[in-house]
Amino acid sequence: MTGVELCIIIKASLAWLSPYQEKIACNNAEYIIQQSEKRAIDPLIVAAIIYRESAFSPGVVSKAGACGLTQVLPKYSKYTCKQLKQPRVAIREGVRALNLWLTWAEGSMGKKGENRSKLDIALCGYNAGFRCIRYPKSKVTRRVMRVYVGRVKRTYLKLKREFDDRFNRSSSEEAEKHN
C-alpha cells in the first residue's frame, strides 16, 4: 500500500470528513504506513484508530487529557500534549502504544476463559488500559469491547473493503506482511 492509495481509501470510505481532516489524513498517509510497517501493524488499523479517536483532527484533547490524532495520554508518553498535537508525533506514539498493547495482549490470550482475539484485547487496552487484561469480564471491559473495539473494527473493515475493491488485490495479502 502507498500513501496515495491510503489517502484515496480514507477519502472514499470516510466521506464525511471535512476538507481539513482529509488534508491531515492525506498529508500523513505515507507516515502512517511507514510507522505501521516499522512495527508490523496493518496501516488500515492505525487509520481506523485515528479516525475513531480524533477523526483526523490533530488538536483534539479528550476529557481524560489524551491528545492528538491518536489520543495518547502524555503521562504514558515522553511527549507533552502540545507535542502530541503534531500529527507525526501522535502517529509515532500511537503506533508505539498499539504495538505495546499487541505484545501485552499476546501474553493474556486464552487466560480467564476468554475467547477474544489479540487485536480485540489490544484495542481494548489502547482505549481503556490494563483493566481489559486484568478484568476481562468487568462491565467497563465488556462495554469497551462492544462499543470502542466494535467501532474501530467496523471502520477497519470498511477501509479494507475499499482497498480490496479499488485496488483489486487482497488486503489479506497485505495483512500477511504485517502479521
Foldseek 3Di string as FASTA:
>chain_A
DALVLLLVLCCVLVVPQDPVLSCLSSVCSRLLVVLLLVLLHPSLLLVLQLCLVPNSQLQDADPVGQGGSNRHHCVVDVDDRVVCSPHNVVSNVNSVLLSVQLVVLVVQPPPPNDDDDSNLLSQLCSPPNPCCRVPVPDPSNVVCSVPVVVSSVVSSVSSQVSSCVVVVDHCVVVSVSSD
